[in-house]
């Protein structure tokens, strides 16, 4: 699994490394991440999700929406990287469909700083 826990400013963050991977690799990664996160306390997780360079197809969007719905009650806050242009509208659709508390950022440092305050 590429994803894992990091600590930023004394706060634990789970870094979902979904960047630059194909659909089959993404699906396997999401499955492993979901299995780990579903064992965490409700409303406890701060997620940093990087989708930079990953093709966002209907299948990808469907997978991420389903996972967001499954994990929603465990997530306190989500910062997303790699969302520019039309991807902003896709993130908005995902947030509306799942109710996931998510915000996009241009840099990893900005995202981690925001998560540390949540």
PDB file of N, CA and C in Angstrom:
ATOM      1  N   UNK A   1       0.851  -1.185   0.000  1.00  0.00           N
ATOM      2  CA  UNK A   1       0.000   0.000   0.000  1.00  0.00           C
ATOM      3  C   UNK A   1       0.886   1.235   0.000  1.00  0.00           C
ATOM      4  N   UNK A   2       0.578   2.150  -0.891  1.00  0.00           N
ATOM      5  CA  UNK A   2       1.326   3.402  -1.000  1.00  0.00           C
ATOM      6  C   UNK A   2       0.901   4.411   0.059  1.00  0.00           C
ATOM      7  N   UNK A   3      -0.336   4.338   0.469  1.00  0.00           N
ATOM      8  CA  UNK A   3      -0.920   5.292   1.413  1.00  0.00           C
ATOM      9  C   UNK A   3      -0.505   4.939   2.834  1.00  0.00           C
ATOM     10  N   UNK A   4      -0.595   5.934   3.733  1.00  0.00           N
ATOM     11  CA  UNK A   4      -0.270   5.658   5.128  1.00  0.00           C
ATOM     12  C   UNK A   4      -0.371   6.896   5.999  1.00  0.00           C
ATOM     13  N   UNK A   5      -0.142   6.680   7.285  1.00  0.00           N
ATOM     14  CA  UNK A   5      -0.220   7.766   8.257  1.00  0.00           C
ATOM     15  C   UNK A   5       1.029   8.635   8.216  1.00  0.00           C
ATOM     16  N   UNK A   6       0.822   9.941   8.363  1.00  0.00           N
ATOM     17  CA  UNK A   6       1.898  10.900   8.549  1.00  0.00           C
ATOM     18  C   UNK A   6       1.493  11.762   9.748  1.00  0.00           C
ATOM     19  N   UNK A   7       2.441  12.497  10.285  1.00  0.00           N
ATOM     20  CA  UNK A   7       2.150  13.448  11.356  1.00  0.00           C
ATOM     21  C   UNK A   7       2.575  14.833  10.885  1.00  0.00           C
ATOM     22  N   UNK A   8       1.691  15.797  11.069  1.00  0.00           N
ATOM     23  CA  UNK A   8       1.987  17.181  10.702  1.00  0.00           C
ATOM     24  C   UNK A   8       1.551  18.083  11.845  1.00  0.00           C
ATOM     25  N   UNK A   9       2.476  18.847  12.360  1.00  0.00           N
ATOM     26  CA  UNK A   9       2.221  19.750  13.486  1.00  0.00           C
ATOM     27  C   UNK A   9       1.560  19.003  14.647  1.00  0.00           C
ATOM     28  N   UNK A  10       2.029  17.787  14.881  1.00  0.00           N
ATOM     29  CA  UNK A  10       1.531  16.993  15.997  1.00  0.00           C
ATOM     30  C   UNK A  10       0.186  16.326  15.760  1.00  0.00           C
ATOM     31  N   UNK A  11      -0.354  16.451  14.545  1.00  0.00           N
ATOM     32  CA  UNK A  11      -1.666  15.891  14.218  1.00  0.00           C
ATOM     33  C   UNK A  11      -1.484  14.730  13.243  1.00  0.00           C
ATOM     34  N   UNK A  12      -2.159  13.621  13.521  1.00  0.00           N
ATOM     35  CA  UNK A  12      -2.085  12.466  12.641  1.00  0.00           C
ATOM     36  C   UNK A  12      -3.007  12.657  11.434  1.00  0.00           C
ATOM     37  N   UNK A  13      -2.444  12.404  10.262  1.00  0.00           N
ATOM     38  CA  UNK A  13      -3.158  12.541   8.995  1.00  0.00           C
ATOM     39  C   UNK A  13      -2.951  11.249   8.214  1.00  0.00           C
ATOM     40  N   UNK A  14      -3.989  10.785   7.549  1.00  0.00           N
ATOM     41  CA  UNK A  14      -3.819   9.633   6.673  1.00  0.00           C
ATOM     42  C   UNK A  14      -3.680  10.150   5.253  1.00  0.00           C
ATOM     43  N   UNK A  15      -2.561   9.836   4.625  1.00  0.00           N
ATOM     44  CA  UNK A  15      -2.233  10.325   3.285  1.00  0.00           C
ATOM     45  C   UNK A  15      -2.629   9.264   2.260  1.00  0.00           C
ATOM     46  N   UNK A  16      -3.695   9.542   1.510  1.00  0.00           N
ATOM     47  CA  UNK A  16      -4.168   8.639   0.452  1.00  0.00           C
ATOM     48  C   UNK A  16      -3.424   8.998  -0.829  1.00  0.00           C
ATOM     49  N   UNK A  17      -2.491   8.167  -1.206  1.00  0.00           N
ATOM     50  CA  UNK A  17      -1.645   8.436  -2.379  1.00  0.00           C
ATOM     51  C   UNK A  17      -2.252   7.779  -3.615  1.00  0.00           C
ATOM     52  N   UNK A  18      -3.233   8.466  -4.170  1.00  0.00           N
ATOM     53  CA  UNK A  18      -3.935   7.984  -5.352  1.00  0.00           C
ATOM     54  C   UNK A  18      -3.402   8.660  -6.618  1.00  0.00           C
ATOM     55  N   UNK A  19      -2.243   9.261  -6.519  1.00  0.00           N
ATOM     56  CA  UNK A  19      -1.675  10.019  -7.630  1.00  0.00           C
ATOM     57  C   UNK A  19      -0.952   9.127  -8.639  1.00  0.00           C
ATOM     58  N   UNK A  20      -1.130   9.500  -9.909  1.00  0.00           N
ATOM     59  CA  UNK A  20      -0.422   8.877 -11.031  1.00  0.00           C
ATOM     60  C   UNK A  20      -0.527   7.351 -11.062  1.00  0.00           C
ATOM     61  N   UNK A  21      -1.754   6.840 -10.898  1.00  0.00           N
ATOM     62  CA  UNK A  21      -1.959   5.392 -10.976  1.00  0.00           C
ATOM     63  C   UNK A  21      -3.145   5.077 -11.883  1.00  0.00           C
ATOM     64  N   UNK A  22      -3.131   3.866 -12.425  1.00  0.00           N
ATOM     65  CA  UNK A  22      -4.216   3.439 -13.309  1.00  0.00           C
ATOM     66  C   UNK A  22      -5.389   2.917 -12.476  1.00  0.00           C
ATOM     67  N   UNK A  23      -6.485   2.623 -13.152  1.00  0.00           N
ATOM     68  CA  UNK A  23      -7.725   2.240 -12.476  1.00  0.00           C
ATOM     69  C   UNK A  23      -7.574   0.971 -11.640  1.00  0.00           C
ATOM     70  N   UNK A  24      -6.891  -0.048 -12.152  1.00  0.00           N
ATOM     71  CA  UNK A  24      -6.777  -1.292 -11.381  1.00  0.00           C
ATOM     72  C   UNK A  24      -5.925  -1.087 -10.134  1.00  0.00           C
ATOM     73  N   UNK A  25      -4.857  -0.308 -10.250  1.00  0.00           N
ATOM     74  CA  UNK A  25      -4.017  -0.011  -9.092  1.00  0.00           C
ATOM     75  C   UNK A  25      -4.781   0.850  -8.092  1.00  0.00           C
ATOM     76  N   UNK A  26      -5.546   1.827  -8.613  1.00  0.00           N
ATOM     77  CA  UNK A  26      -6.366   2.685  -7.752  1.00  0.00           C
ATOM     78  C   UNK A  26      -7.386   1.854  -6.988  1.00  0.00           C
ATOM     79  N   UNK A  27      -8.039   0.953  -7.679  1.00  0.00           N
ATOM     80  CA  UNK A  27      -9.049   0.113  -7.040  1.00  0.00           C
ATOM     81  C   UNK A  27      -8.454  -0.712  -5.904  1.00  0.00           C
ATOM     82  N   UNK A  28      -7.289  -1.297  -6.135  1.00  0.00           N
ATOM     83  CA  UNK A  28      -6.620  -2.089  -5.102  1.00  0.00           C
ATOM     84  C   UNK A  28      -6.202  -1.205  -3.918  1.00  0.00           C
ATOM     85  N   UNK A  29      -5.685  -0.020  -4.216  1.00  0.00           N
ATOM     86  CA  UNK A  29      -5.249   0.910  -3.166  1.00  0.00           C
ATOM     87  C   UNK A  29      -6.442   1.370  -2.327  1.00  0.00           C
ATOM     88  N   UNK A  30      -7.527   1.729  -2.995  1.00  0.00           N
ATOM     89  CA  UNK A  30      -8.735   2.181  -2.301  1.00  0.00           C
ATOM     90  C   UNK A  30      -9.277   1.070  -1.397  1.00  0.00           C
ATOM     91  N   UNK A  31      -9.254  -0.149  -1.864  1.00  0.00           N
ATOM     92  CA  UNK A  31      -9.735  -1.286  -1.066  1.00  0.00           C
ATOM     93  C   UNK A  31      -8.910  -1.435   0.218  1.00  0.00           C
ATOM     94  N   UNK A  32      -7.588  -1.319   0.098  1.00  0.00           N
ATOM     95  CA  UNK A  32      -6.719  -1.432   1.276  1.00  0.00           C
ATOM     96  C   UNK A  32      -6.919  -0.261   2.232  1.00  0.00           C
ATOM     97  N   UNK A  33      -7.031   0.940   1.679  1.00  0.00           N
ATOM     98  CA  UNK A  33      -7.245   2.133   2.511  1.00  0.00           C
ATOM     99  C   UNK A  33      -8.568   2.020   3.249  1.00  0.00           C
ATOM    100  N   UNK A  34      -9.607   1.638   2.547  1.00  0.00           N
ATOM    101  CA  UNK A  34     -10.924   1.529   3.160  1.00  0.00           C
ATOM    102  C   UNK A  34     -10.914   0.512   4.304  1.00  0.00           C
ATOM    103  N   UNK A  35     -10.277  -0.632   4.097  1.00  0.00           N
ATOM    104  CA  UNK A  35     -10.209  -1.656   5.141  1.00  0.00           C
ATOM    105  C   UNK A  35      -9.539  -1.114   6.402  1.00  0.00           C
ATOM    106  N   UNK A  36      -8.504  -0.321   6.235  1.00  0.00           N
ATOM    107  CA  UNK A  36      -7.798   0.255   7.379  1.00  0.00           C
ATOM    108  C   UNK A  36      -8.629   1.348   8.057  1.00  0.00           C
ATOM    109  N   UNK A  37      -9.214   2.231   7.266  1.00  0.00           N
ATOM    110  CA  UNK A  37      -9.947   3.367   7.839  1.00  0.00           C
ATOM    111  C   UNK A  37     -11.240   2.945   8.527  1.00  0.00           C
ATOM    112  N   UNK A  38     -11.849   1.877   8.056  1.00  0.00           N
ATOM    113  CA  UNK A  38     -13.096   1.429   8.681  1.00  0.00           C
ATOM    114  C   UNK A  38     -12.874   0.867  10.087  1.00  0.00           C
ATOM    115  N   UNK A  39     -11.630   0.689  10.477  1.00  0.00           N
ATOM    116  CA  UNK A  39     -11.288   0.218  11.828  1.00  0.00           C
ATOM    117  C   UNK A  39     -11.022   1.384  12.790  1.00  0.00           C
ATOM    118  N   UNK A  40     -11.081   2.602  12.285  1.00  0.00           N
ATOM    119  CA  UNK A  40     -10.767   3.785  13.089  1.00  0.00           C
ATOM    120  C   UNK A  40     -12.029   4.293  13.793  1.00  0.00           C
ATOM    121  N   UNK A  41     -11.846   5.107  14.842  1.00  0.00           N
ATOM    122  CA  UNK A  41     -13.016   5.687  15.520  1.00  0.00           C
ATOM    123  C   UNK A  41     -13.816   6.605  14.589  1.00  0.00           C
ATOM    124  N   UNK A  42     -15.099   6.672  14.811  1.00  0.00           N
ATOM    125  CA  UNK A  42     -15.995   7.524  14.036  1.00  0.00           C
ATOM    126  C   UNK A  42     -15.551   8.985  14.149  1.00  0.00           C
ATOM    127  N   UNK A  43     -15.606   9.706  13.033  1.00  0.00           N
ATOM    128  CA  UNK A  43     -15.295  11.136  12.956  1.00  0.00           C
ATOM    129  C   UNK A  43     -13.883  11.481  13.439  1.00  0.00           C
ATOM    130  N   UNK A  44     -12.937  10.574  13.227  1.00  0.00           N
ATOM    131  CA  UNK A  44     -11.590  10.792  13.749  1.00  0.00           C
ATOM    132  C   UNK A  44     -10.530  11.047  12.683  1.00  0.00           C
ATOM    133  N   UNK A  45     -10.855  10.750  11.436  1.00  0.00           N
ATOM    134  CA  UNK A  45      -9.808  10.744  10.416  1.00  0.00           C
ATOM    135  C   UNK A  45      -9.682  12.073   9.673  1.00  0.00           C
ATOM    136  N   UNK A  46      -8.436  12.496   9.562  1.00  0.00           N
ATOM    137  CA  UNK A  46      -8.091  13.625   8.703  1.00  0.00           C
ATOM    138  C   UNK A  46      -7.376  13.017   7.499  1.00  0.00           C
ATOM    139  N   UNK A  47      -7.939  13.234   6.316  1.00  0.00           N
ATOM    140  CA  UNK A  47      -7.380  12.634   5.111  1.00  0.00           C
ATOM    141  C   UNK A  47      -6.751  13.681   4.213  1.00  0.00           C
ATOM    142  N   UNK A  48      -5.599  13.335   3.673  1.00  0.00           N
ATOM    143  CA  UNK A  48      -4.967  14.092   2.605  1.00  0.00           C
ATOM    144  C   UNK A  48      -5.004  13.176   1.387  1.00  0.00           C
ATOM    145  N   UNK A  49      -5.774  13.555   0.378  1.00  0.00           N
ATOM    146  CA  UNK A  49      -5.985  12.716  -0.806  1.00  0.00           C
ATOM    147  C   UNK A  49      -5.330  13.396  -2.004  1.00  0.00           C
ATOM    148  N   UNK A  50      -4.368  12.694  -2.617  1.00  0.00           N
ATOM    149  CA  UNK A  50      -3.677  13.230  -3.786  1.00  0.00           C
ATOM    150  C   UNK A  50      -4.094  12.442  -5.029  1.00  0.00           C
ATOM    151  N   UNK A  51      -4.762  13.125  -5.954  1.00  0.00           N
ATOM    152  CA  UNK A  51      -5.187  12.493  -7.207  1.00  0.00           C
ATOM    153  C   UNK A  51      -4.458  13.104  -8.410  1.00  0.00           C
ATOM    154  N   UNK A  52      -3.342  13.772  -8.156  1.00  0.00           N
ATOM    155  CA  UNK A  52      -2.557  14.398  -9.209  1.00  0.00           C
ATOM    156  C   UNK A  52      -2.166  13.377 -10.269  1.00  0.00           C
ATOM    157  N   UNK A  53      -2.475  13.675 -11.514  1.00  0.00           N
ATOM    158  CA  UNK A  53      -2.042  12.826 -12.616  1.00  0.00           C
ATOM    159  C   UNK A  53      -2.818  11.532 -12.796  1.00  0.00           C
ATOM    160  N   UNK A  54      -3.841  11.304 -11.996  1.00  0.00           N
ATOM    161  CA  UNK A  54      -4.672  10.113 -12.157  1.00  0.00           C
ATOM    162  C   UNK A  54      -5.859  10.480 -13.036  1.00  0.00           C
ATOM    163  N   UNK A  55      -6.119   9.646 -14.040  1.00  0.00           N
ATOM    164  CA  UNK A  55      -7.240   9.903 -14.943  1.00  0.00           C
ATOM    165  C   UNK A  55      -8.544   9.734 -14.172  1.00  0.00           C
ATOM    166  N   UNK A  56      -9.360  10.770 -14.200  1.00  0.00           N
ATOM    167  CA  UNK A  56     -10.650  10.730 -13.522  1.00  0.00           C
ATOM    168  C   UNK A  56     -11.717  10.399 -14.572  1.00  0.00           C
ATOM    169  N   UNK A  57     -12.006   9.117 -14.684  1.00  0.00           N
ATOM    170  CA  UNK A  57     -13.011   8.615 -15.622  1.00  0.00           C
ATOM    171  C   UNK A  57     -14.317   8.383 -14.865  1.00  0.00           C
ATOM    172  N   UNK A  58     -15.388   8.042 -15.571  1.00  0.00           N
ATOM    173  CA  UNK A  58     -16.620   7.690 -14.857  1.00  0.00           C
ATOM    174  C   UNK A  58     -16.400   6.545 -13.854  1.00  0.00           C
ATOM    175  N   UNK A  59     -15.578   5.566 -14.214  1.00  0.00           N
ATOM    176  CA  UNK A  59     -15.293   4.452 -13.301  1.00  0.00           C
ATOM    177  C   UNK A  59     -14.547   4.920 -12.062  1.00  0.00           C
ATOM    178  N   UNK A  60     -13.564   5.800 -12.264  1.00  0.00           N
ATOM    179  CA  UNK A  60     -12.796   6.346 -11.146  1.00  0.00           C
ATOM    180  C   UNK A  60     -13.706   7.144 -10.219  1.00  0.00           C
ATOM    181  N   UNK A  61     -14.527   8.004 -10.814  1.00  0.00           N
ATOM    182  CA  UNK A  61     -15.442   8.827 -10.027  1.00  0.00           C
ATOM    183  C   UNK A  61     -16.420   7.959  -9.246  1.00  0.00           C
ATOM    184  N   UNK A  62     -16.922   6.923  -9.869  1.00  0.00           N
ATOM    185  CA  UNK A  62     -17.843   5.997  -9.205  1.00  0.00           C
ATOM    186  C   UNK A  62     -17.172   5.306  -8.028  1.00  0.00           C
ATOM    187  N   UNK A  63     -15.949   4.834  -8.229  1.00  0.00           N
ATOM    188  CA  UNK A  63     -15.192   4.173  -7.156  1.00  0.00           C
ATOM    189  C   UNK A  63     -14.964   5.123  -5.987  1.00  0.00           C
ATOM    190  N   UNK A  64     -14.525   6.336  -6.275  1.00  0.00           N
ATOM    191  CA  UNK A  64     -14.238   7.299  -5.211  1.00  0.00           C
ATOM    192  C   UNK A  64     -15.512   7.749  -4.494  1.00  0.00           C
ATOM    193  N   UNK A  65     -16.611   7.863  -5.214  1.00  0.00           N
ATOM    194  CA  UNK A  65     -17.886   8.231  -4.591  1.00  0.00           C
ATOM    195  C   UNK A  65     -18.357   7.126  -3.647  1.00  0.00           C
ATOM    196  N   UNK A  66     -18.302   5.881  -4.115  1.00  0.00           N
ATOM    197  CA  UNK A  66     -18.709   4.743  -3.282  1.00  0.00           C
ATOM    198  C   UNK A  66     -17.860   4.673  -2.019  1.00  0.00           C
ATOM    199  N   UNK A  67     -16.559   4.808  -2.181  1.00  0.00           N
ATOM    200  CA  UNK A  67     -15.651   4.752  -1.030  1.00  0.00           C
ATOM    201  C   UNK A  67     -15.931   5.898  -0.069  1.00  0.00           C
ATOM    202  N   UNK A  68     -16.171   7.091  -0.607  1.00  0.00           N
ATOM    203  CA  UNK A  68     -16.479   8.247   0.244  1.00  0.00           C
ATOM    204  C   UNK A  68     -17.731   8.001   1.062  1.00  0.00           C
ATOM    205  N   UNK A  69     -18.747   7.423   0.435  1.00  0.00           N
ATOM    206  CA  UNK A  69     -19.988   7.115   1.154  1.00  0.00           C
ATOM    207  C   UNK A  69     -19.747   6.070   2.248  1.00  0.00           C
ATOM    208  N   UNK A  70     -18.958   5.042   1.928  1.00  0.00           N
ATOM    209  CA  UNK A  70     -18.666   3.975   2.893  1.00  0.00           C
ATOM    210  C   UNK A  70     -17.883   4.493   4.099  1.00  0.00           C
ATOM    211  N   UNK A  71     -16.978   5.459   3.858  1.00  0.00           N
ATOM    212  CA  UNK A  71     -16.081   5.916   4.921  1.00  0.00           C
ATOM    213  C   UNK A  71     -16.513   7.228   5.574  1.00  0.00           C
ATOM    214  N   UNK A  72     -17.563   7.830   5.070  1.00  0.00           N
ATOM    215  CA  UNK A  72     -17.965   9.171   5.494  1.00  0.00           C
ATOM    216  C   UNK A  72     -18.011   9.355   7.013  1.00  0.00           C
ATOM    217  N   UNK A  73     -18.595   8.412   7.735  1.00  0.00           N
ATOM    218  CA  UNK A  73     -18.762   8.613   9.180  1.00  0.00           C
ATOM    219  C   UNK A  73     -17.441   8.566   9.947  1.00  0.00           C
ATOM    220  N   UNK A  74     -16.388   8.077   9.321  1.00  0.00           N
ATOM    221  CA  UNK A  74     -15.080   7.999   9.975  1.00  0.00           C
ATOM    222  C   UNK A  74     -14.218   9.229   9.706  1.00  0.00           C
ATOM    223  N   UNK A  75     -14.636  10.035   8.732  1.00  0.00           N
ATOM    224  CA  UNK A  75     -13.814  11.150   8.263  1.00  0.00           C
ATOM    225  C   UNK A  75     -14.231  12.460   8.926  1.00  0.00           C
ATOM    226  N   UNK A  76     -13.244  13.125   9.495  1.00  0.00           N
ATOM    227  CA  UNK A  76     -13.456  14.427  10.126  1.00  0.00           C
ATOM    228  C   UNK A  76     -13.232  15.554   9.112  1.00  0.00           C
ATOM    229  N   UNK A  77     -12.173  15.423   8.309  1.00  0.00           N
ATOM    230  CA  UNK A  77     -11.849  16.448   7.310  1.00  0.00           C
ATOM    231  C   UNK A  77     -11.016  15.811   6.203  1.00  0.00           C
ATOM    232  N   UNK A  78     -11.179  16.347   4.987  1.00  0.00           N
ATOM    233  CA  UNK A  78     -10.431  15.841   3.835  1.00  0.00           C
ATOM    234  C   UNK A  78      -9.864  17.003   3.045  1.00  0.00           C
ATOM    235  N   UNK A  79      -8.564  16.950   2.797  1.00  0.00           N
ATOM    236  CA  UNK A  79      -7.891  17.901   1.917  1.00  0.00           C
ATOM    237  C   UNK A  79      -7.508  17.146   0.653  1.00  0.00           C
ATOM    238  N   UNK A  80      -7.767  17.758  -0.503  1.00  0.00           N
ATOM    239  CA  UNK A  80      -7.533  17.080  -1.775  1.00  0.00           C
ATOM    240  C   UNK A  80      -6.526  17.864  -2.613  1.00  0.00           C
ATOM    241  N   UNK A  81      -5.553  17.140  -3.168  1.00  0.00           N
ATOM    242  CA  UNK A  81      -4.558  17.713  -4.078  1.00  0.00           C
ATOM    243  C   UNK A  81      -4.811  17.199  -5.490  1.00  0.00           C
ATOM    244  N   UNK A  82      -4.391  17.975  -6.488  1.00  0.00           N
ATOM    245  CA  UNK A  82      -4.512  17.535  -7.875  1.00  0.00           C
ATOM    246  C   UNK A  82      -5.852  17.832  -8.498  1.00  0.00           C
ATOM    247  N   UNK A  83      -6.554  18.807  -7.943  1.00  0.00           N
ATOM    248  CA  UNK A  83      -7.884  19.154  -8.452  1.00  0.00           C
ATOM    249  C   UNK A  83      -7.822  20.565  -9.029  1.00  0.00           C
ATOM    250  N   UNK A  84      -7.758  20.617 -10.364  1.00  0.00           N
ATOM    251  CA  UNK A  84      -7.738  21.898 -11.072  1.00  0.00           C
ATOM    252  C   UNK A  84      -8.613  21.780 -12.311  1.00  0.00           C
ATOM    253  N   UNK A  85      -9.028  22.906 -12.844  1.00  0.00           N
ATOM    254  CA  UNK A  85      -9.839  22.897 -14.061  1.00  0.00           C
ATOM    255  C   UNK A  85     -11.149  22.167 -13.857  1.00  0.00           C
ATOM    256  N   UNK A  86     -11.463  21.260 -14.785  1.00  0.00           N
ATOM    257  CA  UNK A  86     -12.730  20.522 -14.735  1.00  0.00           C
ATOM    258  C   UNK A  86     -12.801  19.606 -13.518  1.00  0.00           C
ATOM    259  N   UNK A  87     -11.659  19.250 -12.966  1.00  0.00           N
ATOM    260  CA  UNK A  87     -11.633  18.387 -11.774  1.00  0.00           C
ATOM    261  C   UNK A  87     -12.282  19.061 -10.568  1.00  0.00           C
ATOM    262  N   UNK A  88     -12.313  20.386 -10.558  1.00  0.00           N
ATOM    263  CA  UNK A  88     -12.978  21.115  -9.466  1.00  0.00           C
ATOM    264  C   UNK A  88     -14.460  20.765  -9.459  1.00  0.00           C
ATOM    265  N   UNK A  89     -15.073  20.739 -10.653  1.00  0.00           N
ATOM    266  CA  UNK A  89     -16.490  20.384 -10.738  1.00  0.00           C
ATOM    267  C   UNK A  89     -16.715  18.921 -10.343  1.00  0.00           C
ATOM    268  N   UNK A  90     -15.768  18.049 -10.697  1.00  0.00           N
ATOM    269  CA  UNK A  90     -15.885  16.640 -10.312  1.00  0.00           C
ATOM    270  C   UNK A  90     -15.805  16.486  -8.800  1.00  0.00           C
ATOM    271  N   UNK A  91     -14.900  17.244  -8.152  1.00  0.00           N
ATOM    272  CA  UNK A  91     -14.822  17.207  -6.694  1.00  0.00           C
ATOM    273  C   UNK A  91     -16.111  17.731  -6.085  1.00  0.00           C
ATOM    274  N   UNK A  92     -16.650  18.806  -6.638  1.00  0.00           N
ATOM    275  CA  UNK A  92     -17.925  19.343  -6.141  1.00  0.00           C
ATOM    276  C   UNK A  92     -19.035  18.294  -6.239  1.00  0.00           C
ATOM    277  N   UNK A  93     -19.070  17.553  -7.365  1.00  0.00           N
ATOM    278  CA  UNK A  93     -20.071  16.496  -7.532  1.00  0.00           C
ATOM    279  C   UNK A  93     -19.877  15.403  -6.480  1.00  0.00           C
ATOM    280  N   UNK A  94     -18.627  15.028  -6.232  1.00  0.00           N
ATOM    281  CA  UNK A  94     -18.323  13.998  -5.239  1.00  0.00           C
ATOM    282  C   UNK A  94     -18.747  14.445  -3.845  1.00  0.00           C
ATOM    283  N   UNK A  95     -18.456  15.689  -3.512  1.00  0.00           N
ATOM    284  CA  UNK A  95     -18.824  16.232  -2.196  1.00  0.00           C
ATOM    285  C   UNK A  95     -20.341  16.251  -2.039  1.00  0.00           C
ATOM    286  N   UNK A  96     -21.045  16.682  -3.072  1.00  0.00           N
ATOM    287  CA  UNK A  96     -22.512  16.726  -3.010  1.00  0.00           C
ATOM    288  C   UNK A  96     -23.112  15.328  -2.917  1.00  0.00           C
ATOM    289  N   UNK A  97     -22.553  14.386  -3.673  1.00  0.00           N
ATOM    290  CA  UNK A  97     -23.091  13.017  -3.692  1.00  0.00           C
ATOM    291  C   UNK A  97     -22.827  12.277  -2.387  1.00  0.00           C
ATOM    292  N   UNK A  98     -21.688  12.562  -1.765  1.00  0.00           N
ATOM    293  CA  UNK A  98     -21.286  11.793  -0.582  1.00  0.00           C
ATOM    294  C   UNK A  98     -21.488  12.544   0.728  1.00  0.00           C
ATOM    295  N   UNK A  99     -21.538  13.880   0.668  1.00  0.00           N
ATOM    296  CA  UNK A  99     -21.594  14.662   1.895  1.00  0.00           C
ATOM    297  C   UNK A  99     -20.255  14.708   2.612  1.00  0.00           C
ATOM    298  N   UNK A 100     -19.218  14.290   1.920  1.00  0.00           N
ATOM    299  CA  UNK A 100     -17.875  14.251   2.487  1.00  0.00           C
ATOM    300  C   UNK A 100     -17.355  15.658   2.751  1.00  0.00           C
ATOM    301  N   UNK A 101     -16.802  15.901   3.949  1.00  0.00           N
ATOM    302  CA  UNK A 101     -16.210  17.217   4.223  1.00  0.00           C
ATOM    303  C   UNK A 101     -14.859  17.314   3.522  1.00  0.00           C
ATOM    304  N   UNK A 102     -14.811  17.990   2.362  1.00  0.00           N
ATOM    305  CA  UNK A 102     -13.580  18.045   1.575  1.00  0.00           C
ATOM    306  C   UNK A 102     -13.327  19.441   1.030  1.00  0.00           C
ATOM    307  N   UNK A 103     -12.040  19.751   0.902  1.00  0.00           N
ATOM    308  CA  UNK A 103     -11.614  21.041   0.383  1.00  0.00           C
ATOM    309  C   UNK A 103     -10.365  20.807  -0.462  1.00  0.00           C
ATOM    310  N   UNK A 104     -10.268  21.494  -1.606  1.00  0.00           N
ATOM    311  CA  UNK A 104      -9.097  21.312  -2.462  1.00  0.00           C
ATOM    312  C   UNK A 104      -8.016  22.350  -2.151  1.00  0.00           C
ATOM    313  N   UNK A 105      -6.775  21.935  -2.399  1.00  0.00           N
ATOM    314  CA  UNK A 105      -5.609  22.782  -2.155  1.00  0.00           C
ATOM    315  C   UNK A 105      -4.636  22.651  -3.313  1.00  0.00           C
ATOM    316  N   UNK A 106      -3.836  23.702  -3.511  1.00  0.00           N
ATOM    317  CA  UNK A 106      -2.845  23.689  -4.587  1.00  0.00           C
ATOM    318  C   UNK A 106      -1.532  23.033  -4.148  1.00  0.00           C
ATOM    319  N   UNK A 107      -1.191  23.137  -2.865  1.00  0.00           N
ATOM    320  CA  UNK A 107       0.072  22.556  -2.409  1.00  0.00           C
ATOM    321  C   UNK A 107      -0.153  21.606  -1.230  1.00  0.00           C
ATOM    322  N   UNK A 108       0.750  20.666  -1.119  1.00  0.00           N
ATOM    323  CA  UNK A 108       0.684  19.709  -0.022  1.00  0.00           C
ATOM    324  C   UNK A 108       0.817  20.409   1.329  1.00  0.00           C
ATOM    325  N   UNK A 109       1.695  21.392   1.402  1.00  0.00           N
ATOM    326  CA  UNK A 109       1.916  22.108   2.663  1.00  0.00           C
ATOM    327  C   UNK A 109       0.641  22.833   3.119  1.00  0.00           C
ATOM    328  N   UNK A 110      -0.035  23.514   2.194  1.00  0.00           N
ATOM    329  CA  UNK A 110      -1.299  24.191   2.528  1.00  0.00           C
ATOM    330  C   UNK A 110      -2.325  23.183   3.030  1.00  0.00           C
ATOM    331  N   UNK A 111      -2.409  22.054   2.357  1.00  0.00           N
ATOM    332  CA  UNK A 111      -3.374  21.017   2.736  1.00  0.00           C
ATOM    333  C   UNK A 111      -3.074  20.479   4.130  1.00  0.00           C
ATOM    334  N   UNK A 112      -1.818  20.177   4.391  1.00  0.00           N
ATOM    335  CA  UNK A 112      -1.444  19.637   5.707  1.00  0.00           C
ATOM    336  C   UNK A 112      -1.663  20.669   6.806  1.00  0.00           C
ATOM    337  N   UNK A 113      -1.344  21.928   6.525  1.00  0.00           N
ATOM    338  CA  UNK A 113      -1.568  22.984   7.526  1.00  0.00           C
ATOM    339  C   UNK A 113      -3.050  23.115   7.856  1.00  0.00           C
ATOM    340  N   UNK A 114      -3.907  23.072   6.833  1.00  0.00           N
ATOM    341  CA  UNK A 114      -5.355  23.160   7.064  1.00  0.00           C
ATOM    342  C   UNK A 114      -5.846  21.967   7.869  1.00  0.00           C
ATOM    343  N   UNK A 115      -5.422  20.766   7.511  1.00  0.00           N
ATOM    344  CA  UNK A 115      -5.843  19.575   8.248  1.00  0.00           C
ATOM    345  C   UNK A 115      -5.420  19.644   9.717  1.00  0.00           C
ATOM    346  N   UNK A 116      -4.264  20.203   9.980  1.00  0.00           N
ATOM    347  CA  UNK A 116      -3.768  20.315  11.358  1.00  0.00           C
ATOM    348  C   UNK A 116      -4.648  21.218  12.205  1.00  0.00           C
ATOM    349  N   UNK A 117      -5.412  22.102  11.571  1.00  0.00           N
ATOM    350  CA  UNK A 117      -6.285  23.020  12.326  1.00  0.00           C
ATOM    351  C   UNK A 117      -7.708  22.493  12.462  1.00  0.00           C
ATOM    352  N   UNK A 118      -7.999  21.392  11.839  1.00  0.00           N
ATOM    353  CA  UNK A 118      -9.374  20.866  11.849  1.00  0.00           C
ATOM    354  C   UNK A 118      -9.607  19.945  13.024  1.00  0.00           C
TER     355      UNK A 118
END
